[in-house]
Amino acid sequence: MQAGIYSAVLHYLKAAEKIGSPEDARAAVRAMKQTPTDDVLFGKGAIREDGRKIHPMYLLQVKAPAESTDEWDVFKIVGSIPVENAFRPLSEGGCDLTRNN
C-alpha cells in the first residue's frame, strides 16, 4: 500500500508542477492522465481515461542472503506480465468515465 501511495503522490506532484496550479483538481487529473508514469517502484506506465493506473506486473522471489548486495537488496524479478495482459481492457470495464455523454 505504501509503495502505491508513494507512486501516486509522486505522479500528482509532477502533474501539479506541470499545470502550475495544484488547486485546480480537474486540470491536475487531466495532466496526470496525459503524463506517462515512471518511478523506481513500478516503472513506466500510464493512467487510463477510466483512472486506472496500468503498468507491467512482476513476480518477485526473495533472494538468498548470499545473493543480496545490501540490506534493501532482497528481491529478484523471476517473471513479468506485459501491461496489455496485466489489467482488464478498458473496453470491458464499463466505467461511466469512458462513455461519451
C-alpha atoms as a PDB file:
ATOM      1  CA  MET A   1       0.000   0.000   0.000  1.00  0.00           C
ATOM      2  CA  GLN A   2       2.747   2.450   0.915  1.00  0.00           C
ATOM      3  CA  ALA A   3       4.529   1.922  -2.398  1.00  0.00           C
ATOM      4  CA  GLY A   4       1.329   2.604  -4.347  1.00  0.00           C
ATOM      5  CA  ILE A   5       0.620   5.763  -2.353  1.00  0.00           C
ATOM      6  CA  TYR A   6       4.190   6.946  -2.881  1.00  0.00           C
ATOM      7  CA  SER A   7       3.890   6.385  -6.624  1.00  0.00           C
ATOM      8  CA  ALA A   8       0.504   8.179  -6.819  1.00  0.00           C
ATOM      9  CA  VAL A   9       1.672  11.201  -4.816  1.00  0.00           C
ATOM     10  CA  LEU A  10       4.858  11.474  -6.857  1.00  0.00           C
ATOM     11  CA  HIS A  11       2.833  11.455 -10.086  1.00  0.00           C
ATOM     12  CA  TYR A  12       0.358  14.026  -8.692  1.00  0.00           C
ATOM     13  CA  LEU A  13       3.234  16.346  -7.732  1.00  0.00           C
ATOM     14  CA  LYS A  14       4.675  16.066 -11.245  1.00  0.00           C
ATOM     15  CA  ALA A  15       1.251  16.959 -12.700  1.00  0.00           C
ATOM     16  CA  ALA A  16       0.808  19.874 -10.259  1.00  0.00           C
ATOM     17  CA  GLU A  17       4.213  21.224 -11.264  1.00  0.00           C
ATOM     18  CA  LYS A  18       3.266  20.871 -14.940  1.00  0.00           C
ATOM     19  CA  ILE A  19       0.000  22.830 -14.622  1.00  0.00           C
ATOM     20  CA  GLY A  20       1.294  25.317 -12.056  1.00  0.00           C
ATOM     21  CA  SER A  21      -1.956  25.275 -10.060  1.00  0.00           C
ATOM     22  CA  PRO A  22      -2.470  22.236  -7.848  1.00  0.00           C
ATOM     23  CA  GLU A  23      -5.752  23.739  -6.584  1.00  0.00           C
ATOM     24  CA  ASP A  24      -7.450  23.008  -9.931  1.00  0.00           C
ATOM     25  CA  ALA A  25      -8.321  19.338  -9.413  1.00  0.00           C
ATOM     26  CA  ARG A  26      -9.767  18.784 -12.906  1.00  0.00           C
ATOM     27  CA  ALA A  27      -6.637  20.199 -14.542  1.00  0.00           C
ATOM     28  CA  ALA A  28      -4.455  18.056 -12.276  1.00  0.00           C
ATOM     29  CA  VAL A  29      -6.356  14.890 -13.239  1.00  0.00           C
ATOM     30  CA  ARG A  30      -6.106  15.785 -16.952  1.00  0.00           C
ATOM     31  CA  ALA A  31      -2.359  16.378 -16.577  1.00  0.00           C
ATOM     32  CA  MET A  32      -1.944  13.076 -14.708  1.00  0.00           C
ATOM     33  CA  LYS A  33      -3.740  11.187 -17.499  1.00  0.00           C
ATOM     34  CA  GLN A  34      -1.676  12.929 -20.194  1.00  0.00           C
ATOM     35  CA  THR A  35       1.684  12.354 -18.474  1.00  0.00           C
ATOM     36  CA  PRO A  36       3.234   8.872 -18.567  1.00  0.00           C
ATOM     37  CA  THR A  37       4.079   7.473 -15.151  1.00  0.00           C
ATOM     38  CA  ASP A  38       7.644   6.488 -14.378  1.00  0.00           C
ATOM     39  CA  ASP A  39       9.083   5.723 -10.967  1.00  0.00           C
ATOM     40  CA  VAL A  40      11.568   3.321  -9.412  1.00  0.00           C
ATOM     41  CA  LEU A  41       8.821   1.228  -7.815  1.00  0.00           C
ATOM     42  CA  PHE A  42       6.503   0.395 -10.727  1.00  0.00           C
ATOM     43  CA  GLY A  43       8.479   1.537 -13.779  1.00  0.00           C
ATOM     44  CA  LYS A  44       6.860   3.026 -16.855  1.00  0.00           C
ATOM     45  CA  GLY A  45       3.086   3.111 -17.081  1.00  0.00           C
ATOM     46  CA  ALA A  46       0.087   5.339 -17.668  1.00  0.00           C
ATOM     47  CA  ILE A  47      -3.210   6.407 -16.201  1.00  0.00           C
ATOM     48  CA  ARG A  48      -6.074   5.377 -18.458  1.00  0.00           C
ATOM     49  CA  GLU A  49      -9.112   7.553 -19.106  1.00  0.00           C
ATOM     50  CA  ASP A  50     -11.063   5.498 -16.542  1.00  0.00           C
ATOM     51  CA  GLY A  51      -8.472   6.458 -13.902  1.00  0.00           C
ATOM     52  CA  ARG A  52      -6.799   3.052 -13.586  1.00  0.00           C
ATOM     53  CA  LYS A  53      -3.020   3.137 -13.259  1.00  0.00           C
ATOM     54  CA  ILE A  54      -1.552   0.490 -15.561  1.00  0.00           C
ATOM     55  CA  HIS A  55       1.991  -0.861 -15.651  1.00  0.00           C
ATOM     56  CA  PRO A  56       3.748  -4.195 -16.137  1.00  0.00           C
ATOM     57  CA  MET A  57       3.357  -6.615 -13.220  1.00  0.00           C
ATOM     58  CA  TYR A  58       6.280  -8.577 -11.820  1.00  0.00           C
ATOM     59  CA  LEU A  59       6.689 -11.872  -9.988  1.00  0.00           C
ATOM     60  CA  LEU A  60       9.364 -11.450  -7.329  1.00  0.00           C
ATOM     61  CA  GLN A  61      11.349 -14.010  -5.385  1.00  0.00           C
ATOM     62  CA  VAL A  62      13.162 -13.353  -2.127  1.00  0.00           C
ATOM     63  CA  LYS A  63      16.927 -13.550  -2.649  1.00  0.00           C
ATOM     64  CA  ALA A  64      19.115 -15.889  -0.677  1.00  0.00           C
ATOM     65  CA  PRO A  65      21.374 -13.965   1.730  1.00  0.00           C
ATOM     66  CA  ALA A  66      24.396 -14.727  -0.489  1.00  0.00           C
ATOM     67  CA  GLU A  67      22.667 -13.055  -3.480  1.00  0.00           C
ATOM     68  CA  SER A  68      21.959  -9.754  -1.692  1.00  0.00           C
ATOM     69  CA  THR A  69      24.401  -6.880  -2.067  1.00  0.00           C
ATOM     70  CA  ASP A  70      22.962  -4.721   0.756  1.00  0.00           C
ATOM     71  CA  GLU A  71      20.151  -4.765   3.317  1.00  0.00           C
ATOM     72  CA  TRP A  72      17.500  -3.483   0.853  1.00  0.00           C
ATOM     73  CA  ASP A  73      18.511  -5.860  -1.953  1.00  0.00           C
ATOM     74  CA  VAL A  74      16.020  -8.606  -1.112  1.00  0.00           C
ATOM     75  CA  PHE A  75      14.046  -9.430  -4.276  1.00  0.00           C
ATOM     76  CA  LYS A  76      14.802 -10.598  -7.778  1.00  0.00           C
ATOM     77  CA  ILE A  77      12.413 -10.493 -10.722  1.00  0.00           C
ATOM     78  CA  VAL A  78      11.637 -14.009 -11.933  1.00  0.00           C
ATOM     79  CA  GLY A  79       8.763 -13.192 -14.276  1.00  0.00           C
ATOM     80  CA  SER A  80       6.725 -10.365 -15.736  1.00  0.00           C
ATOM     81  CA  ILE A  81       3.308  -9.761 -17.257  1.00  0.00           C
ATOM     82  CA  PRO A  82       3.142  -7.110 -20.014  1.00  0.00           C
ATOM     83  CA  VAL A  83       0.819  -4.185 -19.335  1.00  0.00           C
ATOM     84  CA  GLU A  84      -1.643  -5.255 -22.047  1.00  0.00           C
ATOM     85  CA  ASN A  85      -2.165  -8.583 -20.222  1.00  0.00           C
ATOM     86  CA  ALA A  86      -1.880  -7.367 -16.627  1.00  0.00           C
ATOM     87  CA  PHE A  87      -5.138  -5.385 -16.448  1.00  0.00           C
ATOM     88  CA  ARG A  88      -8.683  -5.803 -17.742  1.00  0.00           C
ATOM     89  CA  PRO A  89      -9.093  -3.989 -21.076  1.00  0.00           C
ATOM     90  CA  LEU A  90     -10.736  -0.582 -20.957  1.00  0.00           C
ATOM     91  CA  SER A  91     -13.492  -1.847 -23.258  1.00  0.00           C
ATOM     92  CA  GLU A  92     -14.526  -4.468 -20.672  1.00  0.00           C
ATOM     93  CA  GLY A  93     -14.602  -2.148 -17.676  1.00  0.00           C
ATOM     94  CA  GLY A  94     -18.000  -0.469 -18.027  1.00  0.00           C
ATOM     95  CA  CYS A  95     -16.756   2.731 -16.367  1.00  0.00           C
ATOM     96  CA  ASP A  96     -19.050   5.745 -16.735  1.00  0.00           C
ATOM     97  CA  LEU A  97     -15.971   7.962 -17.171  1.00  0.00           C
ATOM     98  CA  THR A  98     -15.291   6.380 -20.575  1.00  0.00           C
ATOM     99  CA  ARG A  99     -18.742   6.927 -22.039  1.00  0.00           C
ATOM    100  CA  ASN A 100     -19.449   9.834 -24.332  1.00  0.00           C
ATOM    101  CA  ASN A 101     -22.407  11.664 -22.799  1.00  0.00           C
END
